[in-house]
Amino acid sequence: MAGTSNDMETLHESFRRFAMHGDTSATGHEMNGKNWSKICKDCKVIDGKTVTSTDVDILFSKVKSKSARVITFEEFKMALQELAPKRFKGKSKEEALSSIYALIAGRDPTNAGVTVAYKGGGVDRLTDTSKYTGSHKERFDESGKGKGMGGREDLVANTGYVGNYKGAGTFDDKVKK
């Protein structure tokens, strides 16, 4: 078998980390097909040319037990032995196997594309009155200070005249004449 016992230990540790990735009930002794694909993608075993995700999925089905939906570490090593010559063409079986072990050993699952929360200025952005639009813009003056009730509703002047009447306040002048 290629590699030392220390290499096997780091390979087994990577297997365990990927086997438990995304599954809270996993023990780390068996790996499902999704995590097998993930370890191959994250560790660059799948290169898109000589080894594709289809090859990896077919190989998973080949090495697992007939009724099983998971592979053990031993089956994992068998799959890598089959994959190594295909991934590293032109190398001997031992060289290819140690190269593929080197790709995987000591690696952790990556969280690519995970959304990260925005950490700064949330309150500042929400309370910046210069960015307000529509009727909310009317509630604040240029300095950002609120106008109170005057900014919330149209205040009615109880003069007895219809709004926008140009002759407002001239009734008394007409009557006296």
Protein backbone atom coordinates (compact mmCIF):
# COMPACT_ATOMS: atom_id res chain seq x y z
CA MET A 1 0.00 0.00 0.00
CA ALA A 2 1.32 3.47 -0.87
CA GLY A 3 2.12 5.95 1.90
CA THR A 4 3.12 5.63 5.52
CA SER A 5 0.81 5.00 8.47
CA ASN A 6 0.96 8.73 9.27
CA ASP A 7 -0.31 9.51 5.76
CA MET A 8 -3.11 6.99 6.27
CA GLU A 9 -4.03 8.68 9.56
CA THR A 10 -4.34 12.13 7.96
CA LEU A 11 -6.28 10.59 5.05
CA HIS A 12 -8.61 8.86 7.51
CA GLU A 13 -9.06 12.14 9.43
CA SER A 14 -10.06 13.93 6.19
CA PHE A 15 -12.43 11.05 5.41
CA ARG A 16 -13.99 11.46 8.86
CA ARG A 17 -14.40 15.24 8.50
CA PHE A 18 -16.04 14.95 5.09
CA ALA A 19 -18.21 12.01 6.22
CA MET A 20 -19.65 14.10 9.07
CA HIS A 21 -20.04 17.28 6.95
CA GLY A 22 -23.65 18.45 6.75
CA ASP A 23 -25.01 15.55 8.79
CA THR A 24 -25.37 16.06 12.54
CA SER A 25 -26.14 12.39 13.18
CA ALA A 26 -23.10 11.05 11.26
CA THR A 27 -20.44 9.15 13.18
CA GLY A 28 -17.66 9.70 10.63
CA HIS A 29 -17.22 5.98 9.94
CA GLU A 30 -19.31 5.94 6.74
CA MET A 31 -19.60 8.45 3.90
CA ASN A 32 -22.68 9.04 1.74
CA GLY A 33 -22.62 9.74 -2.00
CA LYS A 34 -23.09 13.49 -1.62
CA ASN A 35 -20.06 13.82 0.66
CA TRP A 36 -18.03 11.49 -1.61
CA SER A 37 -18.71 13.90 -4.48
CA LYS A 38 -17.87 16.83 -2.20
CA ILE A 39 -14.50 15.39 -1.13
CA CYS A 40 -13.63 14.77 -4.80
CA LYS A 41 -14.62 18.32 -5.82
CA ASP A 42 -13.06 20.14 -2.83
CA CYS A 43 -9.78 18.23 -3.06
CA LYS A 44 -9.52 18.72 -6.84
CA VAL A 45 -9.75 14.99 -7.65
CA ILE A 46 -12.42 15.98 -10.20
CA ASP A 47 -10.54 17.99 -12.79
CA GLY A 48 -13.31 18.22 -15.38
CA LYS A 49 -11.21 16.55 -18.09
CA THR A 50 -9.95 13.10 -17.11
CA VAL A 51 -12.17 12.70 -14.02
CA THR A 52 -15.72 14.09 -14.03
CA SER A 53 -18.48 14.09 -11.43
CA THR A 54 -20.19 11.30 -13.38
CA ASP A 55 -17.07 9.11 -13.08
CA VAL A 56 -17.00 9.74 -9.34
CA ASP A 57 -20.71 8.86 -8.93
CA ILE A 58 -20.36 5.66 -10.95
CA LEU A 59 -17.31 4.64 -8.93
CA PHE A 60 -19.20 5.24 -5.67
CA SER A 61 -21.93 2.84 -6.81
CA LYS A 62 -19.29 0.33 -7.86
CA VAL A 63 -17.38 0.16 -4.54
CA LYS A 64 -20.31 0.29 -2.08
CA SER A 65 -22.19 -2.81 -0.96
CA LYS A 66 -25.24 -3.72 -3.04
CA SER A 67 -27.92 -2.53 -0.60
CA ALA A 68 -25.80 0.11 1.16
CA ARG A 69 -26.09 3.85 0.61
CA VAL A 70 -22.73 4.64 2.22
CA ILE A 71 -19.09 3.58 1.89
CA THR A 72 -16.60 2.73 4.64
CA PHE A 73 -12.99 3.93 4.82
CA GLU A 74 -11.78 0.67 3.24
CA GLU A 75 -14.20 1.10 0.32
CA PHE A 76 -13.10 4.75 0.12
CA LYS A 77 -9.47 3.61 -0.30
CA MET A 78 -10.54 1.09 -2.98
CA ALA A 79 -12.34 3.87 -4.87
CA LEU A 80 -9.23 6.07 -4.70
CA GLN A 81 -7.10 3.16 -6.00
CA GLU A 82 -9.35 2.93 -9.05
CA LEU A 83 -9.49 6.70 -9.51
CA ALA A 84 -5.75 7.39 -9.12
CA PRO A 85 -4.47 5.98 -12.47
CA LYS A 86 -7.26 7.78 -14.32
CA ARG A 87 -6.56 11.13 -12.58
CA PHE A 88 -2.76 10.88 -12.88
CA LYS A 89 -2.14 9.33 -16.30
CA GLY A 90 1.46 8.51 -17.08
CA LYS A 91 2.42 7.76 -13.46
CA SER A 92 2.87 4.31 -11.97
CA LYS A 93 0.02 2.98 -9.82
CA GLU A 94 1.94 3.66 -6.61
CA GLU A 95 2.89 7.22 -7.64
CA ALA A 96 -0.66 7.97 -8.76
CA LEU A 97 -2.09 6.60 -5.52
CA SER A 98 0.28 8.62 -3.33
CA SER A 99 -0.52 11.73 -5.43
CA ILE A 100 -4.27 11.28 -4.95
CA TYR A 101 -3.75 10.65 -1.21
CA ALA A 102 -1.73 13.88 -1.04
CA LEU A 103 -4.64 15.80 -2.62
CA ILE A 104 -7.05 14.61 0.07
CA ALA A 105 -4.93 14.18 3.22
CA GLY A 106 -5.37 16.93 5.79
CA ARG A 107 -8.16 18.73 3.91
CA ASP A 108 -11.36 20.08 5.48
CA PRO A 109 -14.75 20.51 3.79
CA THR A 110 -15.10 24.02 2.37
CA ASN A 111 -18.23 26.11 2.60
CA ALA A 112 -18.17 27.76 -0.81
CA GLY A 113 -21.00 30.12 -1.55
CA VAL A 114 -22.22 30.37 2.03
CA THR A 115 -23.88 33.71 2.72
CA VAL A 116 -22.07 35.82 5.30
CA ALA A 117 -23.98 38.36 7.37
CA TYR A 118 -23.25 42.04 6.76
CA LYS A 119 -21.60 43.25 9.95
CA GLY A 120 -21.41 47.04 9.85
CA GLY A 121 -23.59 50.06 9.51
CA GLY A 122 -26.98 48.33 9.44
CA VAL A 123 -28.62 50.91 11.65
CA ASP A 124 -26.82 53.75 9.87
CA ARG A 125 -28.16 52.64 6.49
CA LEU A 126 -31.70 52.28 7.81
CA THR A 127 -31.76 55.66 9.50
CA ASP A 128 -30.12 57.69 6.72
CA THR A 129 -33.00 60.03 5.79
CA SER A 130 -31.30 61.11 2.54
CA LYS A 131 -32.03 57.63 1.12
CA TYR A 132 -35.76 57.73 1.94
CA THR A 133 -38.20 57.79 -0.98
CA GLY A 134 -41.89 58.45 -1.53
CA SER A 135 -44.03 59.82 1.29
CA HIS A 136 -41.34 59.01 3.87
CA LYS A 137 -39.08 61.64 2.29
CA GLU A 138 -41.66 64.32 3.29
CA ARG A 139 -41.32 63.50 6.99
CA PHE A 140 -37.81 64.95 7.40
CA ASP A 141 -36.16 68.28 6.64
CA GLU A 142 -32.77 68.63 4.87
CA SER A 143 -30.79 68.13 8.09
CA GLY A 144 -32.56 64.82 8.77
CA LYS A 145 -34.61 66.15 11.69
CA GLY A 146 -38.21 64.98 11.74
CA LYS A 147 -41.04 67.43 11.07
CA GLY A 148 -43.36 65.82 13.60
CA MET A 149 -47.09 65.83 12.78
CA GLY A 150 -46.48 68.26 9.93
CA GLY A 151 -44.43 65.64 8.11
CA ARG A 152 -46.94 62.83 8.64
CA GLU A 153 -50.24 64.25 7.50
CA ASP A 154 -51.64 67.20 5.62
CA LEU A 155 -52.66 69.68 8.28
CA VAL A 156 -56.05 71.22 7.52
CA ALA A 157 -56.55 74.94 8.06
CA ASN A 158 -60.16 75.23 9.20
CA THR A 159 -60.86 78.48 7.33
CA GLY A 160 -64.07 77.38 5.66
CA TYR A 161 -62.54 77.61 2.20
CA VAL A 162 -61.85 74.75 -0.21
CA GLY A 163 -58.18 73.87 -0.52
CA ASN A 164 -56.23 75.79 -3.22
CA TYR A 165 -58.97 78.51 -3.41
CA LYS A 166 -57.22 81.64 -4.63
CA GLY A 167 -59.68 84.09 -3.08
CA ALA A 168 -59.36 82.69 0.44
CA GLY A 169 -59.86 85.37 3.12
CA THR A 170 -61.61 87.89 0.82
CA PHE A 171 -65.24 87.14 1.85
CA ASP A 172 -65.37 89.75 4.58
CA ASP A 173 -64.10 92.44 2.17
CA LYS A 174 -66.88 91.66 -0.38
CA VAL A 175 -69.69 91.67 2.21
CA LYS A 176 -68.75 95.03 3.70
CA LYS A 177 -68.88 96.82 0.33
